[in-house]
Structure formats: C-alpha cells, structure tokens
PDB file of all heavy atoms in Angstrom:
ATOM      1  N   LEU A   1     -26.918   2.458  53.255  1.00  0.00           N
ATOM      2  CA  LEU A   1     -26.762   3.851  52.867  1.00  0.00           C
ATOM      3  C   LEU A   1     -25.560   4.442  53.598  1.00  0.00           C
ATOM      4  O   LEU A   1     -25.215   4.004  54.697  1.00  0.00           O
ATOM      5  CB  LEU A   1     -28.010   4.682  53.197  1.00  0.00           C
ATOM      6  CG  LEU A   1     -29.267   4.421  52.364  1.00  0.00           C
ATOM      7  CD1 LEU A   1     -30.064   3.266  52.937  1.00  0.00           C
ATOM      8  CD2 LEU A   1     -30.140   5.664  52.291  1.00  0.00           C
ATOM      9  N   THR A   2     -24.935   5.415  52.982  1.00  0.00           N
ATOM     10  CA  THR A   2     -23.836   6.125  53.628  1.00  0.00           C
ATOM     11  C   THR A   2     -24.170   7.610  53.684  1.00  0.00           C
ATOM     12  O   THR A   2     -24.978   8.118  52.894  1.00  0.00           O
ATOM     13  CB  THR A   2     -22.518   5.927  52.869  1.00  0.00           C
ATOM     14  OG1 THR A   2     -22.683   6.361  51.513  1.00  0.00           O
ATOM     15  CG2 THR A   2     -22.102   4.467  52.878  1.00  0.00           C
ATOM     16  N   VAL A   3     -23.537   8.303  54.629  1.00  0.00           N
ATOM     17  CA  VAL A   3     -23.746   9.742  54.773  1.00  0.00           C
ATOM     18  C   VAL A   3     -22.899  10.453  53.718  1.00  0.00           C
ATOM     19  O   VAL A   3     -21.669  10.427  53.775  1.00  0.00           O
ATOM     20  CB  VAL A   3     -23.369  10.221  56.185  1.00  0.00           C
ATOM     21  CG1 VAL A   3     -23.547  11.730  56.299  1.00  0.00           C
ATOM     22  CG2 VAL A   3     -24.224   9.507  57.225  1.00  0.00           C
ATOM     23  N   LYS A   4     -23.568  11.067  52.772  1.00  0.00           N
ATOM     24  CA  LYS A   4     -22.881  11.793  51.697  1.00  0.00           C
ATOM     25  C   LYS A   4     -22.315  13.110  52.204  1.00  0.00           C
ATOM     26  O   LYS A   4     -21.183  13.485  51.892  1.00  0.00           O
ATOM     27  CB  LYS A   4     -23.859  12.039  50.545  1.00  0.00           C
ATOM     28  CG  LYS A   4     -23.249  12.719  49.330  1.00  0.00           C
ATOM     29  CD  LYS A   4     -24.295  12.881  48.237  1.00  0.00           C
ATOM     30  CE  LYS A   4     -23.699  13.560  47.004  1.00  0.00           C
ATOM     31  NZ  LYS A   4     -24.740  13.735  45.951  1.00  0.00           N
ATOM     32  N   SER A   5     -23.101  13.825  52.970  1.00  0.00           N
ATOM     33  CA  SER A   5     -22.650  15.079  53.584  1.00  0.00           C
ATOM     34  C   SER A   5     -23.448  15.303  54.861  1.00  0.00           C
ATOM     35  O   SER A   5     -24.632  14.987  54.923  1.00  0.00           O
ATOM     36  CB  SER A   5     -22.818  16.265  52.631  1.00  0.00           C
ATOM     37  OG  SER A   5     -24.141  16.343  52.139  1.00  0.00           O
ATOM     38  N   SER A   6     -22.783  15.856  55.866  1.00  0.00           N
ATOM     39  CA  SER A   6     -23.407  16.047  57.166  1.00  0.00           C
ATOM     40  C   SER A   6     -23.270  17.496  57.600  1.00  0.00           C
ATOM     41  O   SER A   6     -22.193  18.094  57.495  1.00  0.00           O
ATOM     42  CB  SER A   6     -22.756  15.117  58.201  1.00  0.00           C
ATOM     43  OG  SER A   6     -23.453  15.147  59.417  1.00  0.00           O
ATOM     44  N   PHE A   7     -24.389  18.056  58.087  1.00  0.00           N
ATOM     45  CA  PHE A   7     -24.416  19.431  58.565  1.00  0.00           C
ATOM     46  C   PHE A   7     -24.792  19.428  60.044  1.00  0.00           C
ATOM     47  O   PHE A   7     -24.860  18.375  60.667  1.00  0.00           O
ATOM     48  CB  PHE A   7     -25.393  20.252  57.725  1.00  0.00           C
ATOM     49  CG  PHE A   7     -25.073  20.202  56.254  1.00  0.00           C
ATOM     50  CD1 PHE A   7     -25.663  19.236  55.436  1.00  0.00           C
ATOM     51  CD2 PHE A   7     -24.163  21.082  55.687  1.00  0.00           C
ATOM     52  CE1 PHE A   7     -25.361  19.163  54.086  1.00  0.00           C
ATOM     53  CE2 PHE A   7     -23.855  21.014  54.338  1.00  0.00           C
ATOM     54  CZ  PHE A   7     -24.448  20.059  53.532  1.00  0.00           C
ATOM     55  N   GLU A   8     -25.050  20.572  60.608  1.00  0.00           N
ATOM     56  CA  GLU A   8     -25.237  20.657  62.055  1.00  0.00           C
ATOM     57  C   GLU A   8     -26.371  19.775  62.560  1.00  0.00           C
ATOM     58  O   GLU A   8     -26.197  19.009  63.498  1.00  0.00           O
ATOM     59  CB  GLU A   8     -25.485  22.106  62.471  1.00  0.00           C
ATOM     60  CG  GLU A   8     -25.538  22.288  63.984  1.00  0.00           C
ATOM     61  CD  GLU A   8     -25.683  23.736  64.402  1.00  0.00           C
ATOM     62  OE1 GLU A   8     -25.845  24.607  63.511  1.00  0.00           O
ATOM     63  OE2 GLU A   8     -25.648  24.009  65.614  1.00  0.00           O
ATOM     64  N   ASN A   9     -27.545  19.855  61.911  1.00  0.00           N
ATOM     65  CA  ASN A   9     -28.703  19.107  62.406  1.00  0.00           C
ATOM     66  C   ASN A   9     -29.410  18.295  61.326  1.00  0.00           C
ATOM     67  O   ASN A   9     -30.544  17.869  61.522  1.00  0.00           O
ATOM     68  CB  ASN A   9     -29.695  20.055  63.079  1.00  0.00           C
ATOM     69  CG  ASN A   9     -29.210  20.524  64.444  1.00  0.00           C
ATOM     70  OD1 ASN A   9     -28.872  19.725  65.308  1.00  0.00           O
ATOM     71  ND2 ASN A   9     -29.145  21.836  64.629  1.00  0.00           N
ATOM     72  N   PHE A  10     -28.772  18.085  60.191  1.00  0.00           N
ATOM     73  CA  PHE A  10     -29.327  17.183  59.183  1.00  0.00           C
ATOM     74  C   PHE A  10     -28.194  16.664  58.309  1.00  0.00           C
ATOM     75  O   PHE A  10     -27.088  17.219  58.288  1.00  0.00           O
ATOM     76  CB  PHE A  10     -30.401  17.883  58.335  1.00  0.00           C
ATOM     77  CG  PHE A  10     -29.851  18.839  57.305  1.00  0.00           C
ATOM     78  CD1 PHE A  10     -29.643  18.430  55.993  1.00  0.00           C
ATOM     79  CD2 PHE A  10     -29.559  20.153  57.638  1.00  0.00           C
ATOM     80  CE1 PHE A  10     -29.143  19.299  55.046  1.00  0.00           C
ATOM     81  CE2 PHE A  10     -29.065  21.045  56.697  1.00  0.00           C
ATOM     82  CZ  PHE A  10     -28.851  20.615  55.391  1.00  0.00           C
ATOM     83  N   SER A  11     -28.486  15.566  57.591  1.00  0.00           N
ATOM     84  CA  SER A  11     -27.486  14.946  56.719  1.00  0.00           C
ATOM     85  C   SER A  11     -28.149  14.448  55.444  1.00  0.00           C
ATOM     86  O   SER A  11     -29.336  14.118  55.429  1.00  0.00           O
ATOM     87  CB  SER A  11     -26.795  13.773  57.428  1.00  0.00           C
ATOM     88  OG  SER A  11     -26.127  14.196  58.588  1.00  0.00           O
ATOM     89  N   GLU A  12     -27.362  14.396  54.372  1.00  0.00           N
ATOM     90  CA  GLU A  12     -27.815  13.824  53.106  1.00  0.00           C
ATOM     91  C   GLU A  12     -27.182  12.453  52.943  1.00  0.00           C
ATOM     92  O   GLU A  12     -26.000  12.252  53.233  1.00  0.00           O
ATOM     93  CB  GLU A  12     -27.424  14.715  51.931  1.00  0.00           C
ATOM     94  CG  GLU A  12     -27.938  14.184  50.589  1.00  0.00           C
ATOM     95  CD  GLU A  12     -27.542  15.051  49.404  1.00  0.00           C
ATOM     96  OE1 GLU A  12     -27.025  16.166  49.620  1.00  0.00           O
ATOM     97  OE2 GLU A  12     -27.744  14.595  48.254  1.00  0.00           O
ATOM     98  N   LEU A  13     -27.999  11.487  52.486  1.00  0.00           N
ATOM     99  CA  LEU A  13     -27.554  10.106  52.357  1.00  0.00           C
ATOM    100  C   LEU A  13     -27.484   9.694  50.896  1.00  0.00           C
ATOM    101  O   LEU A  13     -28.094  10.316  50.025  1.00  0.00           O
ATOM    102  CB  LEU A  13     -28.510   9.167  53.101  1.00  0.00           C
ATOM    103  CG  LEU A  13     -28.890   9.533  54.535  1.00  0.00           C
ATOM    104  CD1 LEU A  13     -29.929   8.550  55.058  1.00  0.00           C
ATOM    105  CD2 LEU A  13     -27.668   9.554  55.431  1.00  0.00           C
ATOM    106  N   GLU A  14     -26.758   8.612  50.652  1.00  0.00           N
ATOM    107  CA  GLU A  14     -26.763   7.988  49.333  1.00  0.00           C
ATOM    108  C   GLU A  14     -26.740   6.480  49.509  1.00  0.00           C
ATOM    109  O   GLU A  14     -26.187   5.960  50.480  1.00  0.00           O
ATOM    110  CB  GLU A  14     -25.575   8.459  48.491  1.00  0.00           C
ATOM    111  CG  GLU A  14     -24.211   8.153  49.072  1.00  0.00           C
ATOM    112  CD  GLU A  14     -23.091   8.711  48.216  1.00  0.00           C
ATOM    113  OE1 GLU A  14     -23.388   9.228  47.119  1.00  0.00           O
ATOM    114  OE2 GLU A  14     -21.920   8.629  48.633  1.00  0.00           O
ATOM    115  N   THR A  15     -27.358   5.773  48.569  1.00  0.00           N
ATOM    116  CA  THR A  15     -27.454   4.317  48.661  1.00  0.00           C
ATOM    117  C   THR A  15     -26.196   3.665  48.104  1.00  0.00           C
ATOM    118  O   THR A  15     -25.557   4.195  47.191  1.00  0.00           O
ATOM    119  CB  THR A  15     -28.673   3.792  47.879  1.00  0.00           C
ATOM    120  OG1 THR A  15     -28.568   4.201  46.501  1.00  0.00           O
ATOM    121  CG2 THR A  15     -29.971   4.346  48.466  1.00  0.00           C
ATOM    122  N   LEU A  16     -25.846   2.520  48.665  1.00  0.00           N
ATOM    123  CA  LEU A  16     -24.733   1.748  48.113  1.00  0.00           C
ATOM    124  C   LEU A  16     -25.109   1.209  46.744  1.00  0.00           C
ATOM    125  O   LEU A  16     -24.326   1.266  45.808  1.00  0.00           O
ATOM    126  CB  LEU A  16     -24.381   0.597  49.064  1.00  0.00           C
ATOM    127  CG  LEU A  16     -23.351  -0.416  48.556  1.00  0.00           C
ATOM    128  CD1 LEU A  16     -22.002   0.259  48.346  1.00  0.00           C
ATOM    129  CD2 LEU A  16     -23.213  -1.574  49.532  1.00  0.00           C
ATOM    130  N   ASN A  17     -26.321   0.705  46.639  1.00  0.00           N
ATOM    131  CA  ASN A  17     -26.821   0.169  45.378  1.00  0.00           C
ATOM    132  C   ASN A  17     -27.571   1.269  44.635  1.00  0.00           C
ATOM    133  O   ASN A  17     -28.655   1.679  45.053  1.00  0.00           O
ATOM    134  CB  ASN A  17     -27.744  -1.020  45.654  1.00  0.00           C
ATOM    135  CG  ASN A  17     -28.180  -1.722  44.378  1.00  0.00           C
ATOM    136  OD1 ASN A  17     -27.991  -1.213  43.277  1.00  0.00           O
ATOM    137  ND2 ASN A  17     -28.767  -2.898  44.532  1.00  0.00           N
ATOM    138  N   PRO A  18     -27.035   1.772  43.514  1.00  0.00           N
ATOM    139  CA  PRO A  18     -27.680   2.883  42.808  1.00  0.00           C
ATOM    140  C   PRO A  18     -29.022   2.537  42.187  1.00  0.00           C
ATOM    141  O   PRO A  18     -29.761   3.425  41.772  1.00  0.00           O
ATOM    142  CB  PRO A  18     -26.644   3.247  41.730  1.00  0.00           C
ATOM    143  CG  PRO A  18     -25.828   2.015  41.544  1.00  0.00           C
ATOM    144  CD  PRO A  18     -25.799   1.327  42.865  1.00  0.00           C
ATOM    145  N   GLU A  19     -29.352   1.245  42.125  1.00  0.00           N
ATOM    146  CA  GLU A  19     -30.621   0.843  41.524  1.00  0.00           C
ATOM    147  C   GLU A  19     -31.809   1.038  42.469  1.00  0.00           C
ATOM    148  O   GLU A  19     -32.954   0.959  42.051  1.00  0.00           O
ATOM    149  CB  GLU A  19     -30.538  -0.623  41.087  1.00  0.00           C
ATOM    150  CG  GLU A  19     -29.511  -0.871  39.982  1.00  0.00           C
ATOM    151  CD  GLU A  19     -29.470  -2.322  39.563  1.00  0.00           C
ATOM    152  OE1 GLU A  19     -30.307  -3.110  40.083  1.00  0.00           O
ATOM    153  OE2 GLU A  19     -28.624  -2.685  38.733  1.00  0.00           O
ATOM    154  N   ILE A  20     -31.534   1.297  43.751  1.00  0.00           N
ATOM    155  CA  ILE A  20     -32.619   1.496  44.716  1.00  0.00           C
ATOM    156  C   ILE A  20     -33.179   2.907  44.570  1.00  0.00           C
ATOM    157  O   ILE A  20     -32.442   3.890  44.632  1.00  0.00           O
ATOM    158  CB  ILE A  20     -32.125   1.273  46.151  1.00  0.00           C
ATOM    159  CG1 ILE A  20     -31.646  -0.174  46.324  1.00  0.00           C
ATOM    160  CG2 ILE A  20     -33.222   1.576  47.163  1.00  0.00           C
ATOM    161  CD1 ILE A  20     -31.046  -0.454  47.683  1.00  0.00           C
ATOM    162  N   SER A  21     -34.477   2.994  44.396  1.00  0.00           N
ATOM    163  CA  SER A  21     -35.134   4.295  44.232  1.00  0.00           C
ATOM    164  C   SER A  21     -35.307   4.981  45.581  1.00  0.00           C
ATOM    165  O   SER A  21     -35.657   4.342  46.577  1.00  0.00           O
ATOM    166  CB  SER A  21     -36.493   4.103  43.556  1.00  0.00           C
ATOM    167  OG  SER A  21     -37.190   5.324  43.487  1.00  0.00           O
ATOM    168  N   GLY A  22     -35.074   6.294  45.608  1.00  0.00           N
ATOM    169  CA  GLY A  22     -35.166   7.053  46.851  1.00  0.00           C
ATOM    170  C   GLY A  22     -36.554   7.057  47.458  1.00  0.00           C
ATOM    171  O   GLY A  22     -36.703   6.989  48.681  1.00  0.00           O
ATOM    172  N   ASN A  23     -37.597   7.139  46.613  1.00  0.00           N
ATOM    173  CA  ASN A  23     -38.951   7.209  47.170  1.00  0.00           C
ATOM    174  C   ASN A  23     -39.365   5.909  47.859  1.00  0.00           C
ATOM    175  O   ASN A  23     -40.279   5.892  48.675  1.00  0.00           O
ATOM    176  CB  ASN A  23     -39.965   7.586  46.074  1.00  0.00           C
ATOM    177  CG  ASN A  23     -39.914   6.634  44.898  1.00  0.00           C
ATOM    178  OD1 ASN A  23     -39.213   5.625  44.935  1.00  0.00           O
ATOM    179  ND2 ASN A  23     -40.630   6.960  43.840  1.00  0.00           N
ATOM    180  N   VAL A  24     -38.683   4.805  47.539  1.00  0.00           N
ATOM    181  CA  VAL A  24     -38.963   3.535  48.212  1.00  0.00           C
ATOM    182  C   VAL A  24     -38.498   3.584  49.673  1.00  0.00           C
ATOM    183  O   VAL A  24     -39.066   2.928  50.551  1.00  0.00           O
ATOM    184  CB  VAL A  24     -38.253   2.369  47.475  1.00  0.00           C
ATOM    185  CG1 VAL A  24     -38.397   1.069  48.251  1.00  0.00           C
ATOM    186  CG2 VAL A  24     -38.819   2.206  46.078  1.00  0.00           C
ATOM    187  N   LEU A  25     -37.479   4.404  49.932  1.00  0.00           N
ATOM    188  CA  LEU A  25     -36.901   4.479  51.274  1.00  0.00           C
ATOM    189  C   LEU A  25     -37.567   5.521  52.165  1.00  0.00           C
ATOM    190  O   LEU A  25     -37.321   5.543  53.371  1.00  0.00           O
ATOM    191  CB  LEU A  25     -35.402   4.780  51.176  1.00  0.00           C
ATOM    192  CG  LEU A  25     -34.553   3.729  50.451  1.00  0.00           C
ATOM    193  CD1 LEU A  25     -33.136   4.243  50.265  1.00  0.00           C
ATOM    194  CD2 LEU A  25     -34.545   2.419  51.215  1.00  0.00           C
ATOM    195  N   GLU A  26     -38.408   6.371  51.580  1.00  0.00           N
ATOM    196  CA  GLU A  26     -39.036   7.442  52.367  1.00  0.00           C
ATOM    197  C   GLU A  26     -39.846   6.868  53.525  1.00  0.00           C
ATOM    198  O   GLU A  26     -40.623   5.927  53.378  1.00  0.00           O
ATOM    199  CB  GLU A  26     -39.947   8.284  51.483  1.00  0.00           C
ATOM    200  CG  GLU A  26     -40.844   9.206  52.273  1.00  0.00           C
ATOM    201  CD  GLU A  26     -40.864  10.628  51.726  1.00  0.00           C
ATOM    202  OE1 GLU A  26     -40.754  10.798  50.524  1.00  0.00           O
ATOM    203  OE2 GLU A  26     -41.001  11.542  52.532  1.00  0.00           O
ATOM    204  N   GLY A  27     -39.638   7.426  54.705  1.00  0.00           N
ATOM    205  CA  GLY A  27     -40.387   7.014  55.888  1.00  0.00           C
ATOM    206  C   GLY A  27     -39.809   5.820  56.615  1.00  0.00           C
ATOM    207  O   GLY A  27     -40.256   5.495  57.719  1.00  0.00           O
ATOM    208  N   LYS A  28     -38.814   5.168  56.014  1.00  0.00           N
ATOM    209  CA  LYS A  28     -38.202   4.024  56.676  1.00  0.00           C
ATOM    210  C   LYS A  28     -37.146   4.502  57.677  1.00  0.00           C
ATOM    211  O   LYS A  28     -36.583   5.576  57.547  1.00  0.00           O
ATOM    212  CB  LYS A  28     -37.573   3.079  55.653  1.00  0.00           C
ATOM    213  CG  LYS A  28     -38.606   2.359  54.787  1.00  0.00           C
ATOM    214  CD  LYS A  28     -37.971   1.295  53.938  1.00  0.00           C
ATOM    215  CE  LYS A  28     -39.024   0.527  53.134  1.00  0.00           C
ATOM    216  NZ  LYS A  28     -38.418  -0.534  52.313  1.00  0.00           N
ATOM    217  N   VAL A  29     -36.898   3.670  58.663  1.00  0.00           N
ATOM    218  CA  VAL A  29     -35.938   4.014  59.715  1.00  0.00           C
ATOM    219  C   VAL A  29     -34.556   3.515  59.325  1.00  0.00           C
ATOM    220  O   VAL A  29     -34.386   2.353  58.951  1.00  0.00           O
ATOM    221  CB  VAL A  29     -36.356   3.404  61.067  1.00  0.00           C
ATOM    222  CG1 VAL A  29     -35.276   3.654  62.124  1.00  0.00           C
ATOM    223  CG2 VAL A  29     -37.687   3.989  61.523  1.00  0.00           C
ATOM    224  N   ILE A  30     -33.583   4.395  59.416  1.00  0.00           N
ATOM    225  CA  ILE A  30     -32.194   4.012  59.184  1.00  0.00           C
ATOM    226  C   ILE A  30     -31.471   3.975  60.522  1.00  0.00           C
ATOM    227  O   ILE A  30     -31.624   4.862  61.350  1.00  0.00           O
ATOM    228  CB  ILE A  30     -31.482   4.971  58.205  1.00  0.00           C
ATOM    229  CG1 ILE A  30     -30.016   4.517  58.008  1.00  0.00           C
ATOM    230  CG2 ILE A  30     -31.551   6.422  58.662  1.00  0.00           C
ATOM    231  CD1 ILE A  30     -29.311   5.214  56.867  1.00  0.00           C
ATOM    232  N   ARG A  31     -30.719   2.922  60.733  1.00  0.00           N
ATOM    233  CA  ARG A  31     -29.921   2.777  61.959  1.00  0.00           C
ATOM    234  C   ARG A  31     -28.448   2.834  61.563  1.00  0.00           C
ATOM    235  O   ARG A  31     -27.975   2.048  60.748  1.00  0.00           O
ATOM    236  CB  ARG A  31     -30.221   1.457  62.662  1.00  0.00           C
ATOM    237  CG  ARG A  31     -29.307   1.199  63.854  1.00  0.00           C
ATOM    238  CD  ARG A  31     -29.711  -0.034  64.630  1.00  0.00           C
ATOM    239  NE  ARG A  31     -30.963   0.176  65.329  1.00  0.00           N
ATOM    240  CZ  ARG A  31     -31.473  -0.697  66.211  1.00  0.00           C
ATOM    241  NH1 ARG A  31     -30.820  -1.822  66.471  1.00  0.00           N
ATOM    242  NH2 ARG A  31     -32.612  -0.447  66.814  1.00  0.00           N
ATOM    243  N   PHE A  32     -27.745   3.781  62.158  1.00  0.00           N
ATOM    244  CA  PHE A  32     -26.334   3.971  61.835  1.00  0.00           C
ATOM    245  C   PHE A  32     -25.473   3.104  62.742  1.00  0.00           C
ATOM    246  O   PHE A  32     -25.696   3.012  63.945  1.00  0.00           O
ATOM    247  CB  PHE A  32     -25.945   5.445  61.979  1.00  0.00           C
ATOM    248  CG  PHE A  32     -26.637   6.321  60.975  1.00  0.00           C
ATOM    249  CD1 PHE A  32     -27.797   6.999  61.309  1.00  0.00           C
ATOM    250  CD2 PHE A  32     -26.142   6.436  59.685  1.00  0.00           C
ATOM    251  CE1 PHE A  32     -28.448   7.795  60.378  1.00  0.00           C
ATOM    252  CE2 PHE A  32     -26.784   7.231  58.747  1.00  0.00           C
ATOM    253  CZ  PHE A  32     -27.944   7.911  59.100  1.00  0.00           C
ATOM    254  N   LEU A  33     -24.488   2.465  62.117  1.00  0.00           N
ATOM    255  CA  LEU A  33     -23.636   1.516  62.816  1.00  0.00           C
ATOM    256  C   LEU A  33     -22.222   2.054  62.917  1.00  0.00           C
ATOM    257  O   LEU A  33     -21.881   3.078  62.339  1.00  0.00           O
ATOM    258  CB  LEU A  33     -23.631   0.168  62.080  1.00  0.00           C
ATOM    259  CG  LEU A  33     -24.998  -0.458  61.836  1.00  0.00           C
ATOM    260  CD1 LEU A  33     -24.853  -1.730  61.036  1.00  0.00           C
ATOM    261  CD2 LEU A  33     -25.704  -0.743  63.148  1.00  0.00           C
ATOM    262  N   ASN A  34     -21.379   1.294  63.647  1.00  0.00           N
ATOM    263  CA  ASN A  34     -19.986   1.693  63.805  1.00  0.00           C
ATOM    264  C   ASN A  34     -19.264   1.618  62.470  1.00  0.00           C
ATOM    265  O   ASN A  34     -19.515   0.740  61.682  1.00  0.00           O
ATOM    266  CB  ASN A  34     -19.278   0.772  64.804  1.00  0.00           C
ATOM    267  CG  ASN A  34     -19.881   0.909  66.192  1.00  0.00           C
ATOM    268  OD1 ASN A  34     -20.545   1.881  66.493  1.00  0.00           O
ATOM    269  ND2 ASN A  34     -19.636  -0.072  67.034  1.00  0.00           N
TER     270      ASN A  34
END
C-alpha cells in the first residue's frame, strides 16, 4: 500500500493491486518502510 494523502494525525492509503478489497485489510497491521 502507498500513502495517498497524509494529514497531521491520519493518512489515507491505496493498494498497489486494485483487485484487493479494502475490507480484507481492515484491522491488519501495516509497516511503513524506507
């Protein structure tokens, strides 16, 4: 996933693969890399 837009204390993400459903990712941990 990439950060689509970032604000002061929250951000909106988007998946690289558009076929992945958002509700499948709910509750999962994302780790941001360099």
